[in-house]
Amino acid sequence: MARGAYLLNLGRVPYEEAWDLQRSLAAAVSQGAIPDTVLLLEHPPVITLGRRTDEDELHVPDGADVEIVETDRGGKSTYHGPGQLVCYPIFDLTRHGQDVKRYCRDLEEALIRTLSAVGVEATRIEGLTGIWVEDAIPRKIASIGVHITKWVTTHGYALNVDLDTAPFRQWITACGLADASFTDLPAEDGAGLWPQPIHAQLTAKPTGAKSSGQAQGIEQVPATR
């Protein structure tokens, strides 16, 4: 049976502002006040620390223009910045089988299919989180980290559309992987197939919002599960 869902295109939003919004929406979804909701956005430069982050993962130089935020998501450290598509699904998993592993696999599959549609073949790699372009040295193109309370999800994934990946190596030991390589669509010859710059795409249907923290587009879309 089809259910409605909300999709909010928010443009660029500071990390903690988006996190507050996620928690508010999660409470509303949990109470049945609103349907499942998906946030699409990008962040100003920010390093987020998951619950398994080690102290020695951080090596941010003095004066670097980046926020550092401790979060409640799973995983280790990662970087978000302009040119990265961040997706935060706020789902009530009691409507979707109450299967956390399946949910994470579904996020992975959504990323793999999205990348395939723009000409980039990506995959899962056993023992590693996120989505990778497989090669002699695999390159990570998307990160996944979620938090689930009372079967309601927050956090989600970040897809490297067109961003400077240097902070993944220079500011942190991203995902706790000292030798990890990171990539984005232009590096994988996918840039020409992406329809328009990420920020323009995320704000393509403005509703007259006054600040980045307000929804600049909201649609009702079909959810099939």
C-alpha atoms as a PDB file:
ATOM      1  CA  MET A   1       0.000   0.000   0.000  1.00  0.00           C
ATOM      2  CA  ALA A   2       1.431   3.364  -1.065  1.00  0.00           C
ATOM      3  CA  ARG A   3       2.095   5.997   1.596  1.00  0.00           C
ATOM      4  CA  GLY A   4       2.843   9.669   1.285  1.00  0.00           C
ATOM      5  CA  ALA A   5       6.201  11.110   2.229  1.00  0.00           C
ATOM      6  CA  TYR A   6       7.761  14.552   2.424  1.00  0.00           C
ATOM      7  CA  LEU A   7      10.874  15.582   0.513  1.00  0.00           C
ATOM      8  CA  LEU A   8      12.545  18.808   1.665  1.00  0.00           C
ATOM      9  CA  ASN A   9      15.228  20.463  -0.481  1.00  0.00           C
ATOM     10  CA  LEU A  10      17.024  22.772   1.925  1.00  0.00           C
ATOM     11  CA  GLY A  11      20.098  24.075   0.108  1.00  0.00           C
ATOM     12  CA  ARG A  12      23.094  24.836   2.329  1.00  0.00           C
ATOM     13  CA  VAL A  13      22.404  24.446   6.055  1.00  0.00           C
ATOM     14  CA  PRO A  14      24.826  24.575   9.028  1.00  0.00           C
ATOM     15  CA  TYR A  15      25.311  21.110  10.495  1.00  0.00           C
ATOM     16  CA  GLU A  16      23.881  21.674  13.960  1.00  0.00           C
ATOM     17  CA  GLU A  17      20.860  23.497  12.538  1.00  0.00           C
ATOM     18  CA  ALA A  18      20.150  20.494  10.313  1.00  0.00           C
ATOM     19  CA  TRP A  19      20.660  18.126  13.245  1.00  0.00           C
ATOM     20  CA  ASP A  20      18.124  20.049  15.345  1.00  0.00           C
ATOM     21  CA  LEU A  21      15.676  19.834  12.443  1.00  0.00           C
ATOM     22  CA  GLN A  22      16.225  16.084  12.162  1.00  0.00           C
ATOM     23  CA  ARG A  23      15.417  15.586  15.837  1.00  0.00           C
ATOM     24  CA  SER A  24      12.257  17.689  15.595  1.00  0.00           C
ATOM     25  CA  LEU A  25      11.087  15.797  12.528  1.00  0.00           C
ATOM     26  CA  ALA A  26      11.959  12.442  14.104  1.00  0.00           C
ATOM     27  CA  ALA A  27       9.721  13.237  17.059  1.00  0.00           C
ATOM     28  CA  ALA A  28       6.878  14.175  14.726  1.00  0.00           C
ATOM     29  CA  VAL A  29       7.344  11.034  12.594  1.00  0.00           C
ATOM     30  CA  SER A  30       7.464   8.880  15.739  1.00  0.00           C
ATOM     31  CA  GLN A  31       4.145  10.336  16.922  1.00  0.00           C
ATOM     32  CA  GLY A  32       2.534   9.842  13.515  1.00  0.00           C
ATOM     33  CA  ALA A  33       2.059  13.607  13.110  1.00  0.00           C
ATOM     34  CA  ILE A  34       3.832  13.610   9.732  1.00  0.00           C
ATOM     35  CA  PRO A  35       4.802  10.894   7.234  1.00  0.00           C
ATOM     36  CA  ASP A  36       8.336   9.699   6.570  1.00  0.00           C
ATOM     37  CA  THR A  37      10.463  12.672   5.541  1.00  0.00           C
ATOM     38  CA  VAL A  38      13.666  13.010   3.522  1.00  0.00           C
ATOM     39  CA  LEU A  39      16.006  16.010   3.803  1.00  0.00           C
ATOM     40  CA  LEU A  40      18.365  16.851   0.926  1.00  0.00           C
ATOM     41  CA  LEU A  41      20.992  19.498   1.614  1.00  0.00           C
ATOM     42  CA  GLU A  42      24.655  20.374   1.796  1.00  0.00           C
ATOM     43  CA  HIS A  43      26.734  21.672   4.708  1.00  0.00           C
ATOM     44  CA  PRO A  44      29.394  24.337   5.118  1.00  0.00           C
ATOM     45  CA  PRO A  45      32.745  22.711   6.014  1.00  0.00           C
ATOM     46  CA  VAL A  46      32.296  20.501   9.092  1.00  0.00           C
ATOM     47  CA  ILE A  47      33.955  17.444  10.601  1.00  0.00           C
ATOM     48  CA  THR A  48      31.531  15.143  12.374  1.00  0.00           C
ATOM     49  CA  LEU A  49      32.587  12.559  14.910  1.00  0.00           C
ATOM     50  CA  GLY A  50      30.653   9.308  15.184  1.00  0.00           C
ATOM     51  CA  ARG A  51      30.376   7.274  18.359  1.00  0.00           C
ATOM     52  CA  ARG A  52      33.411   5.128  17.470  1.00  0.00           C
ATOM     53  CA  THR A  53      35.794   7.989  16.619  1.00  0.00           C
ATOM     54  CA  ASP A  54      39.290   7.633  18.099  1.00  0.00           C
ATOM     55  CA  GLU A  55      41.144  10.657  19.467  1.00  0.00           C
ATOM     56  CA  ASP A  56      44.030  10.251  17.034  1.00  0.00           C
ATOM     57  CA  GLU A  57      41.753  10.559  13.991  1.00  0.00           C
ATOM     58  CA  LEU A  58      41.744  14.372  14.228  1.00  0.00           C
ATOM     59  CA  HIS A  59      44.685  16.392  12.891  1.00  0.00           C
ATOM     60  CA  VAL A  60      43.052  19.665  11.901  1.00  0.00           C
ATOM     61  CA  PRO A  61      45.626  22.466  11.421  1.00  0.00           C
ATOM     62  CA  ASP A  62      45.339  25.631  13.473  1.00  0.00           C
ATOM     63  CA  GLY A  63      43.191  28.224  11.752  1.00  0.00           C
ATOM     64  CA  ALA A  64      41.342  25.775   9.503  1.00  0.00           C
ATOM     65  CA  ASP A  65      37.908  27.117   8.611  1.00  0.00           C
ATOM     66  CA  VAL A  66      35.915  24.092   9.733  1.00  0.00           C
ATOM     67  CA  GLU A  67      33.484  23.193  12.514  1.00  0.00           C
ATOM     68  CA  ILE A  68      33.953  20.041  14.598  1.00  0.00           C
ATOM     69  CA  VAL A  69      30.787  18.406  15.952  1.00  0.00           C
ATOM     70  CA  GLU A  70      30.355  15.285  18.101  1.00  0.00           C
ATOM     71  CA  THR A  71      27.290  13.362  16.967  1.00  0.00           C
ATOM     72  CA  ASP A  72      25.189  10.377  18.002  1.00  0.00           C
ATOM     73  CA  ARG A  73      25.488   8.549  14.684  1.00  0.00           C
ATOM     74  CA  GLY A  74      27.367   5.325  14.222  1.00  0.00           C
ATOM     75  CA  GLY A  75      30.819   5.125  12.715  1.00  0.00           C
ATOM     76  CA  LYS A  76      33.928   7.246  12.968  1.00  0.00           C
ATOM     77  CA  SER A  77      34.951  10.691  11.700  1.00  0.00           C
ATOM     78  CA  THR A  78      33.971  12.161   8.354  1.00  0.00           C
ATOM     79  CA  TYR A  79      33.964  15.464   6.520  1.00  0.00           C
ATOM     80  CA  HIS A  80      31.079  17.391   4.935  1.00  0.00           C
ATOM     81  CA  GLY A  81      31.454  20.401   2.696  1.00  0.00           C
ATOM     82  CA  PRO A  82      30.008  22.338  -0.231  1.00  0.00           C
ATOM     83  CA  GLY A  83      29.498  20.170  -3.295  1.00  0.00           C
ATOM     84  CA  GLN A  84      28.437  17.128  -1.304  1.00  0.00           C
ATOM     85  CA  LEU A  85      24.849  15.862  -1.472  1.00  0.00           C
ATOM     86  CA  VAL A  86      23.704  14.968   2.048  1.00  0.00           C
ATOM     87  CA  CYS A  87      20.539  12.935   2.514  1.00  0.00           C
ATOM     88  CA  TYR A  88      18.854  12.515   5.906  1.00  0.00           C
ATOM     89  CA  PRO A  89      15.919  10.076   5.738  1.00  0.00           C
ATOM     90  CA  ILE A  90      13.631  10.368   8.781  1.00  0.00           C
ATOM     91  CA  PHE A  91      11.845   7.023   8.527  1.00  0.00           C
ATOM     92  CA  ASP A  92       9.709   5.056  10.936  1.00  0.00           C
ATOM     93  CA  LEU A  93      11.076   1.556  10.392  1.00  0.00           C
ATOM     94  CA  THR A  94       7.977  -0.004  11.959  1.00  0.00           C
ATOM     95  CA  ARG A  95       6.449   0.824   8.555  1.00  0.00           C
ATOM     96  CA  HIS A  96       9.345  -0.816   6.705  1.00  0.00           C
ATOM     97  CA  GLY A  97       9.941  -4.186   8.331  1.00  0.00           C
ATOM     98  CA  GLN A  98      11.919  -3.162  11.458  1.00  0.00           C
ATOM     99  CA  ASP A  99      15.127  -4.422   9.902  1.00  0.00           C
ATOM    100  CA  VAL A 100      18.137  -2.162  10.512  1.00  0.00           C
ATOM    101  CA  LYS A 101      20.495  -4.161   8.283  1.00  0.00           C
ATOM    102  CA  ARG A 102      18.020  -4.048   5.436  1.00  0.00           C
ATOM    103  CA  TYR A 103      17.616  -0.300   5.878  1.00  0.00           C
ATOM    104  CA  CYS A 104      21.369   0.255   5.620  1.00  0.00           C
ATOM    105  CA  ARG A 105      21.543  -2.012   2.576  1.00  0.00           C
ATOM    106  CA  ASP A 106      18.718  -0.020   0.991  1.00  0.00           C
ATOM    107  CA  LEU A 107      20.701   3.201   1.488  1.00  0.00           C
ATOM    108  CA  GLU A 108      23.706   1.563  -0.145  1.00  0.00           C
ATOM    109  CA  GLU A 109      21.603   0.326  -3.040  1.00  0.00           C
ATOM    110  CA  ALA A 110      20.067   3.777  -3.572  1.00  0.00           C
ATOM    111  CA  LEU A 111      23.573   5.248  -3.858  1.00  0.00           C
ATOM    112  CA  ILE A 112      24.812   2.547  -6.217  1.00  0.00           C
ATOM    113  CA  ARG A 113      21.811   3.042  -8.520  1.00  0.00           C
ATOM    114  CA  THR A 114      22.101   6.844  -8.413  1.00  0.00           C
ATOM    115  CA  LEU A 115      25.771   6.685  -9.352  1.00  0.00           C
ATOM    116  CA  SER A 116      25.085   4.183 -12.115  1.00  0.00           C
ATOM    117  CA  ALA A 117      22.520   6.586 -13.594  1.00  0.00           C
ATOM    118  CA  VAL A 118      25.231   9.263 -13.980  1.00  0.00           C
ATOM    119  CA  GLY A 119      27.805   6.903 -15.431  1.00  0.00           C
ATOM    120  CA  VAL A 120      29.787   5.903 -12.347  1.00  0.00           C
ATOM    121  CA  GLU A 121      29.986   2.229 -11.419  1.00  0.00           C
ATOM    122  CA  ALA A 122      30.280   1.888  -7.632  1.00  0.00           C
ATOM    123  CA  THR A 123      29.871  -0.927  -5.170  1.00  0.00           C
ATOM    124  CA  ARG A 124      30.020  -2.151  -1.593  1.00  0.00           C
ATOM    125  CA  ILE A 125      33.293  -3.606  -0.331  1.00  0.00           C
ATOM    126  CA  GLU A 126      33.180  -6.316   2.302  1.00  0.00           C
ATOM    127  CA  GLY A 127      34.418  -5.056   5.670  1.00  0.00           C
ATOM    128  CA  LEU A 128      34.239  -1.375   4.712  1.00  0.00           C
ATOM    129  CA  THR A 129      31.400   1.095   5.189  1.00  0.00           C
ATOM    130  CA  GLY A 130      30.054   3.364   2.492  1.00  0.00           C
ATOM    131  CA  ILE A 131      30.150   3.105  -1.287  1.00  0.00           C
ATOM    132  CA  TRP A 132      33.327   2.730  -3.290  1.00  0.00           C
ATOM    133  CA  VAL A 133      34.687   2.864  -6.828  1.00  0.00           C
ATOM    134  CA  GLU A 134      36.588  -0.396  -6.999  1.00  0.00           C
ATOM    135  CA  ASP A 135      40.161  -0.355  -8.295  1.00  0.00           C
ATOM    136  CA  ALA A 136      43.625  -1.499  -7.210  1.00  0.00           C
ATOM    137  CA  ILE A 137      43.239   1.222  -4.545  1.00  0.00           C
ATOM    138  CA  PRO A 138      39.464   1.607  -3.954  1.00  0.00           C
ATOM    139  CA  ARG A 139      38.119   5.159  -3.829  1.00  0.00           C
ATOM    140  CA  LYS A 140      35.300   6.102  -1.468  1.00  0.00           C
ATOM    141  CA  ILE A 141      32.580   8.207  -3.072  1.00  0.00           C
ATOM    142  CA  ALA A 142      29.831   8.080  -0.433  1.00  0.00           C
ATOM    143  CA  SER A 143      29.665   7.711   3.346  1.00  0.00           C
ATOM    144  CA  ILE A 144      26.858   6.239   5.431  1.00  0.00           C
ATOM    145  CA  GLY A 145      26.176   6.706   9.148  1.00  0.00           C
ATOM    146  CA  VAL A 146      22.811   6.357  10.864  1.00  0.00           C
ATOM    147  CA  HIS A 147      21.172   6.665  14.255  1.00  0.00           C
ATOM    148  CA  ILE A 148      17.947   4.879  15.201  1.00  0.00           C
ATOM    149  CA  THR A 149      15.798   5.590  18.250  1.00  0.00           C
ATOM    150  CA  LYS A 150      12.504   3.772  18.807  1.00  0.00           C
ATOM    151  CA  TRP A 151      12.753   2.574  15.195  1.00  0.00           C
ATOM    152  CA  VAL A 152      12.941   6.136  13.801  1.00  0.00           C
ATOM    153  CA  THR A 153      16.025   6.953  11.733  1.00  0.00           C
ATOM    154  CA  THR A 154      18.185  10.071  11.632  1.00  0.00           C
ATOM    155  CA  HIS A 155      21.460  10.922   9.863  1.00  0.00           C
ATOM    156  CA  GLY A 156      21.982   9.084   6.579  1.00  0.00           C
ATOM    157  CA  TYR A 157      24.451   9.377   3.720  1.00  0.00           C
ATOM    158  CA  ALA A 158      26.737  11.887   2.007  1.00  0.00           C
ATOM    159  CA  LEU A 159      27.552  11.601  -1.709  1.00  0.00           C
ATOM    160  CA  ASN A 160      30.648  13.346  -3.057  1.00  0.00           C
ATOM    161  CA  VAL A 161      29.216  15.139  -6.083  1.00  0.00           C
ATOM    162  CA  ASP A 162      31.806  17.852  -6.740  1.00  0.00           C
ATOM    163  CA  LEU A 163      33.878  18.833  -3.723  1.00  0.00           C
ATOM    164  CA  ASP A 164      37.448  19.211  -2.538  1.00  0.00           C
ATOM    165  CA  THR A 165      38.283  15.820  -1.019  1.00  0.00           C
ATOM    166  CA  ALA A 166      41.594  16.968   0.516  1.00  0.00           C
ATOM    167  CA  PRO A 167      40.114  17.440   4.039  1.00  0.00           C
ATOM    168  CA  PHE A 168      39.368  13.705   4.194  1.00  0.00           C
ATOM    169  CA  ARG A 169      43.126  13.114   4.145  1.00  0.00           C
ATOM    170  CA  GLN A 170      44.599  16.317   5.581  1.00  0.00           C
ATOM    171  CA  TRP A 171      42.282  17.070   8.521  1.00  0.00           C
ATOM    172  CA  ILE A 172      41.144  13.631   9.687  1.00  0.00           C
ATOM    173  CA  THR A 173      41.805   9.940   9.341  1.00  0.00           C
ATOM    174  CA  ALA A 174      38.412   9.603   7.674  1.00  0.00           C
ATOM    175  CA  CYS A 175      36.367   6.600   8.738  1.00  0.00           C
ATOM    176  CA  GLY A 176      39.396   5.471  10.747  1.00  0.00           C
ATOM    177  CA  LEU A 177      41.106   4.289   7.525  1.00  0.00           C
ATOM    178  CA  ALA A 178      44.641   5.659   7.338  1.00  0.00           C
ATOM    179  CA  ASP A 179      45.228   4.692   3.698  1.00  0.00           C
ATOM    180  CA  ALA A 180      41.755   5.408   2.331  1.00  0.00           C
ATOM    181  CA  SER A 181      41.364   7.234  -0.971  1.00  0.00           C
ATOM    182  CA  PHE A 182      38.402   9.531  -1.678  1.00  0.00           C
ATOM    183  CA  THR A 183      36.811  10.643  -4.908  1.00  0.00           C
ATOM    184  CA  ASP A 184      33.887  12.563  -6.423  1.00  0.00           C
ATOM    185  CA  LEU A 185      31.937  12.592  -9.695  1.00  0.00           C
ATOM    186  CA  PRO A 186      34.337  14.739 -11.762  1.00  0.00           C
ATOM    187  CA  ALA A 187      37.245  12.491 -10.799  1.00  0.00           C
ATOM    188  CA  GLU A 188      35.239   9.512 -12.057  1.00  0.00           C
ATOM    189  CA  ASP A 189      34.118  11.213 -15.298  1.00  0.00           C
ATOM    190  CA  GLY A 190      30.616  11.609 -13.965  1.00  0.00           C
ATOM    191  CA  ALA A 191      30.483  15.409 -13.771  1.00  0.00           C
ATOM    192  CA  GLY A 192      29.260  16.008 -17.300  1.00  0.00           C
ATOM    193  CA  LEU A 193      26.273  13.772 -16.682  1.00  0.00           C
ATOM    194  CA  TRP A 194      25.122  15.570 -13.520  1.00  0.00           C
ATOM    195  CA  PRO A 195      22.302  17.871 -14.652  1.00  0.00           C
ATOM    196  CA  GLN A 196      23.311  21.069 -12.845  1.00  0.00           C
ATOM    197  CA  PRO A 197      25.433  22.318  -9.908  1.00  0.00           C
ATOM    198  CA  ILE A 198      24.371  20.721  -6.670  1.00  0.00           C
ATOM    199  CA  HIS A 199      23.225  23.867  -4.886  1.00  0.00           C
ATOM    200  CA  ALA A 200      21.097  24.953  -7.847  1.00  0.00           C
ATOM    201  CA  GLN A 201      19.616  21.474  -8.059  1.00  0.00           C
ATOM    202  CA  LEU A 202      18.711  21.392  -4.378  1.00  0.00           C
ATOM    203  CA  THR A 203      16.964  24.761  -4.536  1.00  0.00           C
ATOM    204  CA  ALA A 204      15.303  24.376  -7.906  1.00  0.00           C
ATOM    205  CA  LYS A 205      11.785  24.825  -6.489  1.00  0.00           C
ATOM    206  CA  PRO A 206      11.963  27.783  -4.108  1.00  0.00           C
ATOM    207  CA  THR A 207       8.956  28.688  -2.009  1.00  0.00           C
ATOM    208  CA  GLY A 208      10.211  32.067  -0.824  1.00  0.00           C
ATOM    209  CA  ALA A 209      12.019  30.800   2.265  1.00  0.00           C
ATOM    210  CA  LYS A 210      13.886  33.581   4.097  1.00  0.00           C
ATOM    211  CA  SER A 211      16.866  31.600   5.401  1.00  0.00           C
ATOM    212  CA  SER A 212      18.834  28.442   4.718  1.00  0.00           C
ATOM    213  CA  GLY A 213      17.253  26.777   7.720  1.00  0.00           C
ATOM    214  CA  GLN A 214      13.781  26.879   6.210  1.00  0.00           C
ATOM    215  CA  ALA A 215      12.516  24.469   3.592  1.00  0.00           C
ATOM    216  CA  GLN A 216      13.041  25.933   0.111  1.00  0.00           C
ATOM    217  CA  GLY A 217      11.032  23.190  -1.535  1.00  0.00           C
ATOM    218  CA  ILE A 218       8.560  20.671  -0.195  1.00  0.00           C
ATOM    219  CA  GLU A 219       6.726  18.085  -2.212  1.00  0.00           C
ATOM    220  CA  GLN A 220       4.639  15.056  -1.444  1.00  0.00           C
ATOM    221  CA  VAL A 221       6.152  12.031  -3.169  1.00  0.00           C
ATOM    222  CA  PRO A 222       5.078   8.388  -3.284  1.00  0.00           C
ATOM    223  CA  ALA A 223       6.755   5.964  -0.892  1.00  0.00           C
ATOM    224  CA  THR A 224       6.233   2.369  -1.901  1.00  0.00           C
ATOM    225  CA  ARG A 225       7.433   0.564   1.227  1.00  0.00           C
END
